[in-house]
């Protein structure tokens, strides 16, 4: 979604009402995604990955077993 650049274009075109409405909608969407949806994604990545990976997985980059450290980097 390109809501913030759209609000900036409305500002430069002197459409103040459209600018304010677009920026308000951008702010609501950003807060919901950043503090709501992304939290569940991070939680899923850090908790569900242990169920998907085998218990024998450890730090072994030669065999591609470094994925378990990705969420913590």
PDB file of N, CA and C in Angstrom:
ATOM      1  N   UNK A   1       0.842  -1.185   0.000  1.00  0.00           N
ATOM      2  CA  UNK A   1       0.000   0.000   0.000  1.00  0.00           C
ATOM      3  C   UNK A   1       0.883   1.243   0.000  1.00  0.00           C
ATOM      4  N   UNK A   2       0.535   2.155  -0.814  1.00  0.00           N
ATOM      5  CA  UNK A   2       1.316   3.387  -0.948  1.00  0.00           C
ATOM      6  C   UNK A   2       0.535   4.560  -0.389  1.00  0.00           C
ATOM      7  N   UNK A   3       0.083   4.444   0.831  1.00  0.00           N
ATOM      8  CA  UNK A   3      -0.755   5.499   1.391  1.00  0.00           C
ATOM      9  C   UNK A   3       0.047   6.718   1.810  1.00  0.00           C
ATOM     10  N   UNK A   4       1.221   6.520   2.359  1.00  0.00           N
ATOM     11  CA  UNK A   4       1.999   7.669   2.789  1.00  0.00           C
ATOM     12  C   UNK A   4       2.485   8.509   1.596  1.00  0.00           C
ATOM     13  N   UNK A   5       3.032   7.906   0.543  1.00  0.00           N
ATOM     14  CA  UNK A   5       3.382   8.736  -0.618  1.00  0.00           C
ATOM     15  C   UNK A   5       2.165   9.400  -1.265  1.00  0.00           C
ATOM     16  N   UNK A   6       1.024   8.723  -1.237  1.00  0.00           N
ATOM     17  CA  UNK A   6      -0.195   9.321  -1.779  1.00  0.00           C
ATOM     18  C   UNK A   6      -0.593  10.551  -0.977  1.00  0.00           C
ATOM     19  N   UNK A   7      -0.489  10.470   0.345  1.00  0.00           N
ATOM     20  CA  UNK A   7      -0.793  11.625   1.182  1.00  0.00           C
ATOM     21  C   UNK A   7       0.183  12.766   0.896  1.00  0.00           C
ATOM     22  N   UNK A   8       1.428  12.430   0.636  1.00  0.00           N
ATOM     23  CA  UNK A   8       2.421  13.457   0.323  1.00  0.00           C
ATOM     24  C   UNK A   8       2.102  14.120  -1.021  1.00  0.00           C
ATOM     25  N   UNK A   9       1.651  13.343  -2.003  1.00  0.00           N
ATOM     26  CA  UNK A   9       1.271  13.927  -3.285  1.00  0.00           C
ATOM     27  C   UNK A   9       0.066  14.846  -3.129  1.00  0.00           C
ATOM     28  N   UNK A  10      -0.895  14.448  -2.282  1.00  0.00           N
ATOM     29  CA  UNK A  10      -2.038  15.318  -2.024  1.00  0.00           C
ATOM     30  C   UNK A  10      -1.589  16.620  -1.359  1.00  0.00           C
ATOM     31  N   UNK A  11      -0.584  16.542  -0.513  1.00  0.00           N
ATOM     32  CA  UNK A  11      -0.058  17.743   0.143  1.00  0.00           C
ATOM     33  C   UNK A  11       0.538  18.694  -0.882  1.00  0.00           C
ATOM     34  N   UNK A  12       1.342  18.146  -1.800  1.00  0.00           N
ATOM     35  CA  UNK A  12       1.968  18.983  -2.818  1.00  0.00           C
ATOM     36  C   UNK A  12       0.954  19.550  -3.806  1.00  0.00           C
ATOM     37  N   UNK A  13      -0.179  18.867  -3.972  1.00  0.00           N
ATOM     38  CA  UNK A  13      -1.230  19.344  -4.875  1.00  0.00           C
ATOM     39  C   UNK A  13      -2.229  20.244  -4.144  1.00  0.00           C
ATOM     40  N   UNK A  14      -1.982  20.498  -2.867  1.00  0.00           N
ATOM     41  CA  UNK A  14      -2.826  21.365  -2.031  1.00  0.00           C
ATOM     42  C   UNK A  14      -4.252  20.838  -1.872  1.00  0.00           C
ATOM     43  N   UNK A  15      -4.389  19.504  -1.825  1.00  0.00           N
ATOM     44  CA  UNK A  15      -5.666  18.870  -1.494  1.00  0.00           C
ATOM     45  C   UNK A  15      -5.620  18.501  -0.017  1.00  0.00           C
ATOM     46  N   UNK A  16      -5.863  19.467   0.835  1.00  0.00           N
ATOM     47  CA  UNK A  16      -5.656  19.264   2.259  1.00  0.00           C
ATOM     48  C   UNK A  16      -6.607  18.244   2.867  1.00  0.00           C
ATOM     49  N   UNK A  17      -7.861  18.231   2.452  1.00  0.00           N
ATOM     50  CA  UNK A  17      -8.811  17.270   3.010  1.00  0.00           C
ATOM     51  C   UNK A  17      -8.427  15.839   2.613  1.00  0.00           C
ATOM     52  N   UNK A  18      -8.072  15.644   1.357  1.00  0.00           N
ATOM     53  CA  UNK A  18      -7.657  14.315   0.892  1.00  0.00           C
ATOM     54  C   UNK A  18      -6.359  13.902   1.579  1.00  0.00           C
ATOM     55  N   UNK A  19      -5.454  14.864   1.770  1.00  0.00           N
ATOM     56  CA  UNK A  19      -4.188  14.571   2.451  1.00  0.00           C
ATOM     57  C   UNK A  19      -4.440  14.099   3.875  1.00  0.00           C
ATOM     58  N   UNK A  20      -5.282  14.814   4.603  1.00  0.00           N
ATOM     59  CA  UNK A  20      -5.554  14.452   5.993  1.00  0.00           C
ATOM     60  C   UNK A  20      -6.254  13.097   6.099  1.00  0.00           C
ATOM     61  N   UNK A  21      -7.205  12.836   5.210  1.00  0.00           N
ATOM     62  CA  UNK A  21      -7.923  11.557   5.241  1.00  0.00           C
ATOM     63  C   UNK A  21      -6.991  10.399   4.895  1.00  0.00           C
ATOM     64  N   UNK A  22      -6.151  10.591   3.880  1.00  0.00           N
ATOM     65  CA  UNK A  22      -5.227   9.535   3.479  1.00  0.00           C
ATOM     66  C   UNK A  22      -4.207   9.254   4.561  1.00  0.00           C
ATOM     67  N   UNK A  23      -3.675  10.300   5.174  1.00  0.00           N
ATOM     68  CA  UNK A  23      -2.690  10.086   6.221  1.00  0.00           C
ATOM     69  C   UNK A  23      -3.324   9.444   7.454  1.00  0.00           C
ATOM     70  N   UNK A  24      -4.550   9.808   7.797  1.00  0.00           N
ATOM     71  CA  UNK A  24      -5.232   9.186   8.936  1.00  0.00           C
ATOM     72  C   UNK A  24      -5.458   7.701   8.674  1.00  0.00           C
ATOM     73  N   UNK A  25      -5.867   7.374   7.449  1.00  0.00           N
ATOM     74  CA  UNK A  25      -6.064   5.962   7.101  1.00  0.00           C
ATOM     75  C   UNK A  25      -4.731   5.215   7.137  1.00  0.00           C
ATOM     76  N   UNK A  26      -3.664   5.843   6.653  1.00  0.00           N
ATOM     77  CA  UNK A  26      -2.337   5.244   6.720  1.00  0.00           C
ATOM     78  C   UNK A  26      -1.934   4.984   8.166  1.00  0.00           C
ATOM     79  N   UNK A  27      -2.173   5.928   9.049  1.00  0.00           N
ATOM     80  CA  UNK A  27      -1.782   5.773  10.448  1.00  0.00           C
ATOM     81  C   UNK A  27      -2.526   4.608  11.098  1.00  0.00           C
ATOM     82  N   UNK A  28      -3.805   4.484  10.825  1.00  0.00           N
ATOM     83  CA  UNK A  28      -4.579   3.379  11.396  1.00  0.00           C
ATOM     84  C   UNK A  28      -4.081   2.043  10.862  1.00  0.00           C
ATOM     85  N   UNK A  29      -3.862   1.956   9.556  1.00  0.00           N
ATOM     86  CA  UNK A  29      -3.389   0.706   8.954  1.00  0.00           C
ATOM     87  C   UNK A  29      -2.012   0.348   9.493  1.00  0.00           C
ATOM     88  N   UNK A  30      -1.131   1.322   9.627  1.00  0.00           N
ATOM     89  CA  UNK A  30       0.225   1.065  10.112  1.00  0.00           C
ATOM     90  C   UNK A  30       0.208   0.567  11.555  1.00  0.00           C
ATOM     91  N   UNK A  31      -0.603   1.178  12.401  1.00  0.00           N
ATOM     92  CA  UNK A  31      -0.665   0.757  13.805  1.00  0.00           C
ATOM     93  C   UNK A  31      -1.208  -0.664  13.917  1.00  0.00           C
ATOM     94  N   UNK A  32      -2.244  -0.972  13.166  1.00  0.00           N
ATOM     95  CA  UNK A  32      -2.831  -2.320  13.225  1.00  0.00           C
ATOM     96  C   UNK A  32      -1.835  -3.367  12.742  1.00  0.00           C
ATOM     97  N   UNK A  33      -1.149  -3.099  11.637  1.00  0.00           N
ATOM     98  CA  UNK A  33      -0.217  -4.104  11.122  1.00  0.00           C
ATOM     99  C   UNK A  33       1.034  -4.189  11.980  1.00  0.00           C
ATOM    100  N   UNK A  34       1.586  -3.073  12.386  1.00  0.00           N
ATOM    101  CA  UNK A  34       2.858  -3.083  13.122  1.00  0.00           C
ATOM    102  C   UNK A  34       2.704  -3.651  14.521  1.00  0.00           C
ATOM    103  N   UNK A  35       1.625  -3.310  15.187  1.00  0.00           N
ATOM    104  CA  UNK A  35       1.474  -3.731  16.576  1.00  0.00           C
ATOM    105  C   UNK A  35       0.472  -4.860  16.758  1.00  0.00           C
ATOM    106  N   UNK A  36      -0.171  -5.287  15.717  1.00  0.00           N
ATOM    107  CA  UNK A  36      -1.141  -6.364  15.813  1.00  0.00           C
ATOM    108  C   UNK A  36      -0.739  -7.584  15.032  1.00  0.00           C
ATOM    109  N   UNK A  37      -0.768  -7.466  13.721  1.00  0.00           N
ATOM    110  CA  UNK A  37      -0.529  -8.618  12.855  1.00  0.00           C
ATOM    111  C   UNK A  37       0.918  -9.093  12.933  1.00  0.00           C
ATOM    112  N   UNK A  38       1.892  -8.167  12.932  1.00  0.00           N
ATOM    113  CA  UNK A  38       3.293  -8.573  12.968  1.00  0.00           C
ATOM    114  C   UNK A  38       3.631  -9.311  14.257  1.00  0.00           C
ATOM    115  N   UNK A  39       2.969  -8.958  15.352  1.00  0.00           N
ATOM    116  CA  UNK A  39       3.208  -9.669  16.608  1.00  0.00           C
ATOM    117  C   UNK A  39       2.895 -11.148  16.461  1.00  0.00           C
ATOM    118  N   UNK A  40       1.788 -11.478  15.817  1.00  0.00           N
ATOM    119  CA  UNK A  40       1.419 -12.876  15.629  1.00  0.00           C
ATOM    120  C   UNK A  40       2.369 -13.581  14.664  1.00  0.00           C
ATOM    121  N   UNK A  41       2.878 -12.871  13.680  1.00  0.00           N
ATOM    122  CA  UNK A  41       3.851 -13.469  12.771  1.00  0.00           C
ATOM    123  C   UNK A  41       5.136 -13.789  13.523  1.00  0.00           C
ATOM    124  N   UNK A  42       5.640 -12.835  14.312  1.00  0.00           N
ATOM    125  CA  UNK A  42       6.861 -13.070  15.085  1.00  0.00           C
ATOM    126  C   UNK A  42       6.668 -14.205  16.077  1.00  0.00           C
ATOM    127  N   UNK A  43       5.518 -14.241  16.731  1.00  0.00           N
ATOM    128  CA  UNK A  43       5.228 -15.295  17.694  1.00  0.00           C
ATOM    129  C   UNK A  43       5.192 -16.653  16.998  1.00  0.00           C
ATOM    130  N   UNK A  44       4.588 -16.715  15.838  1.00  0.00           N
ATOM    131  CA  UNK A  44       4.510 -17.969  15.098  1.00  0.00           C
ATOM    132  C   UNK A  44       5.887 -18.431  14.648  1.00  0.00           C
ATOM    133  N   UNK A  45       6.708 -17.495  14.191  1.00  0.00           N
ATOM    134  CA  UNK A  45       8.046 -17.866  13.730  1.00  0.00           C
ATOM    135  C   UNK A  45       8.882 -18.404  14.881  1.00  0.00           C
ATOM    136  N   UNK A  46       8.771 -17.794  16.049  1.00  0.00           N
ATOM    137  CA  UNK A  46       9.625 -18.216  17.152  1.00  0.00           C
ATOM    138  C   UNK A  46       9.093 -19.436  17.899  1.00  0.00           C
ATOM    139  N   UNK A  47       7.809 -19.716  17.839  1.00  0.00           N
ATOM    140  CA  UNK A  47       7.281 -20.860  18.589  1.00  0.00           C
ATOM    141  C   UNK A  47       6.978 -22.065  17.706  1.00  0.00           C
ATOM    142  N   UNK A  48       6.402 -21.836  16.542  1.00  0.00           N
ATOM    143  CA  UNK A  48       6.006 -22.959  15.687  1.00  0.00           C
ATOM    144  C   UNK A  48       7.174 -23.601  14.953  1.00  0.00           C
ATOM    145  N   UNK A  49       8.295 -22.891  14.837  1.00  0.00           N
ATOM    146  CA  UNK A  49       9.412 -23.482  14.104  1.00  0.00           C
ATOM    147  C   UNK A  49       9.980 -24.692  14.821  1.00  0.00           C
ATOM    148  N   UNK A  50       9.867 -24.728  16.134  1.00  0.00           N
ATOM    149  CA  UNK A  50      10.404 -25.875  16.881  1.00  0.00           C
ATOM    150  C   UNK A  50       9.600 -27.132  16.588  1.00  0.00           C
ATOM    151  N   UNK A  51       8.310 -26.988  16.269  1.00  0.00           N
ATOM    152  CA  UNK A  51       7.503 -28.145  15.899  1.00  0.00           C
ATOM    153  C   UNK A  51       7.832 -28.626  14.490  1.00  0.00           C
ATOM    154  N   UNK A  52       8.220 -27.709  13.616  1.00  0.00           N
ATOM    155  CA  UNK A  52       8.493 -28.061  12.232  1.00  0.00           C
ATOM    156  C   UNK A  52       9.882 -28.663  12.034  1.00  0.00           C
ATOM    157  N   UNK A  53      10.815 -28.276  12.878  1.00  0.00           N
ATOM    158  CA  UNK A  53      12.177 -28.776  12.748  1.00  0.00           C
ATOM    159  C   UNK A  53      12.388 -29.981  13.652  1.00  0.00           C
ATOM    160  N   UNK A  54      13.284 -30.826  13.251  1.00  0.00           N
ATOM    161  CA  UNK A  54      13.557 -32.011  14.057  1.00  0.00           C
ATOM    162  C   UNK A  54      14.400 -31.636  15.269  1.00  0.00           C
ATOM    163  N   UNK A  55      14.402 -32.499  16.256  1.00  0.00           N
ATOM    164  CA  UNK A  55      15.168 -32.239  17.471  1.00  0.00           C
ATOM    165  C   UNK A  55      16.669 -32.368  17.224  1.00  0.00           C
ATOM    166  N   UNK A  56      17.062 -33.030  16.151  1.00  0.00           N
ATOM    167  CA  UNK A  56      18.474 -33.207  15.864  1.00  0.00           C
ATOM    168  C   UNK A  56      19.092 -31.968  15.210  1.00  0.00           C
ATOM    169  N   UNK A  57      18.260 -30.991  14.893  1.00  0.00           N
ATOM    170  CA  UNK A  57      18.767 -29.801  14.228  1.00  0.00           C
ATOM    171  C   UNK A  57      19.611 -28.989  15.199  1.00  0.00           C
ATOM    172  N   UNK A  58      20.785 -28.641  14.769  1.00  0.00           N
ATOM    173  CA  UNK A  58      21.678 -27.814  15.559  1.00  0.00           C
ATOM    174  C   UNK A  58      22.455 -26.924  14.608  1.00  0.00           C
ATOM    175  N   UNK A  59      23.379 -26.159  15.118  1.00  0.00           N
ATOM    176  CA  UNK A  59      24.151 -25.261  14.285  1.00  0.00           C
ATOM    177  C   UNK A  59      25.083 -26.056  13.391  1.00  0.00           C
ATOM    178  N   UNK A  60      24.712 -26.164  12.117  1.00  0.00           N
ATOM    179  CA  UNK A  60      25.517 -26.894  11.141  1.00  0.00           C
ATOM    180  C   UNK A  60      25.310 -26.246   9.768  1.00  0.00           C
ATOM    181  N   UNK A  61      25.981 -25.118   9.505  1.00  0.00           N
ATOM    182  CA  UNK A  61      25.751 -24.405   8.254  1.00  0.00           C
ATOM    183  C   UNK A  61      26.063 -25.219   7.006  1.00  0.00           C
ATOM    184  N   UNK A  62      26.955 -26.173   7.095  1.00  0.00           N
ATOM    185  CA  UNK A  62      27.292 -26.978   5.926  1.00  0.00           C
ATOM    186  C   UNK A  62      26.088 -27.774   5.439  1.00  0.00           C
ATOM    187  N   UNK A  63      25.203 -28.152   6.354  1.00  0.00           N
ATOM    188  CA  UNK A  63      24.011 -28.918   5.988  1.00  0.00           C
ATOM    189  C   UNK A  63      22.744 -28.073   6.017  1.00  0.00           C
ATOM    190  N   UNK A  64      22.868 -26.762   6.163  1.00  0.00           N
ATOM    191  CA  UNK A  64      21.696 -25.884   6.137  1.00  0.00           C
ATOM    192  C   UNK A  64      20.936 -25.838   7.438  1.00  0.00           C
ATOM    193  N   UNK A  65      21.565 -26.142   8.551  1.00  0.00           N
ATOM    194  CA  UNK A  65      20.878 -26.175   9.841  1.00  0.00           C
ATOM    195  C   UNK A  65      21.122 -24.902  10.640  1.00  0.00           C
ATOM    196  N   UNK A  66      21.194 -23.788   9.979  1.00  0.00           N
ATOM    197  CA  UNK A  66      21.335 -22.522  10.673  1.00  0.00           C
ATOM    198  C   UNK A  66      20.021 -21.751  10.709  1.00  0.00           C
ATOM    199  N   UNK A  67      18.963 -22.337  10.190  1.00  0.00           N
ATOM    200  CA  UNK A  67      17.662 -21.680  10.109  1.00  0.00           C
ATOM    201  C   UNK A  67      17.078 -21.422  11.491  1.00  0.00           C
ATOM    202  N   UNK A  68      17.389 -22.260  12.463  1.00  0.00           N
ATOM    203  CA  UNK A  68      16.801 -22.073  13.793  1.00  0.00           C
ATOM    204  C   UNK A  68      17.243 -20.779  14.440  1.00  0.00           C
ATOM    205  N   UNK A  69      18.331 -20.171  13.991  1.00  0.00           N
ATOM    206  CA  UNK A  69      18.815 -18.931  14.581  1.00  0.00           C
ATOM    207  C   UNK A  69      18.257 -17.696  13.887  1.00  0.00           C
ATOM    208  N   UNK A  70      17.552 -17.862  12.782  1.00  0.00           N
ATOM    209  CA  UNK A  70      17.076 -16.719  12.022  1.00  0.00           C
ATOM    210  C   UNK A  70      16.201 -15.753  12.810  1.00  0.00           C
ATOM    211  N   UNK A  71      15.200 -16.209  13.561  1.00  0.00           N
ATOM    212  CA  UNK A  71      14.341 -15.240  14.262  1.00  0.00           C
ATOM    213  C   UNK A  71      15.064 -14.466  15.363  1.00  0.00           C
ATOM    214  N   UNK A  72      16.157 -14.977  15.837  1.00  0.00           N
ATOM    215  CA  UNK A  72      16.832 -14.325  16.942  1.00  0.00           C
ATOM    216  C   UNK A  72      17.901 -13.348  16.475  1.00  0.00           C
ATOM    217  N   UNK A  73      18.179 -13.344  15.175  1.00  0.00           N
ATOM    218  CA  UNK A  73      19.171 -12.418  14.648  1.00  0.00           C
ATOM    219  C   UNK A  73      18.511 -11.111  14.440  1.00  0.00           C
TER     220      UNK A  73
END
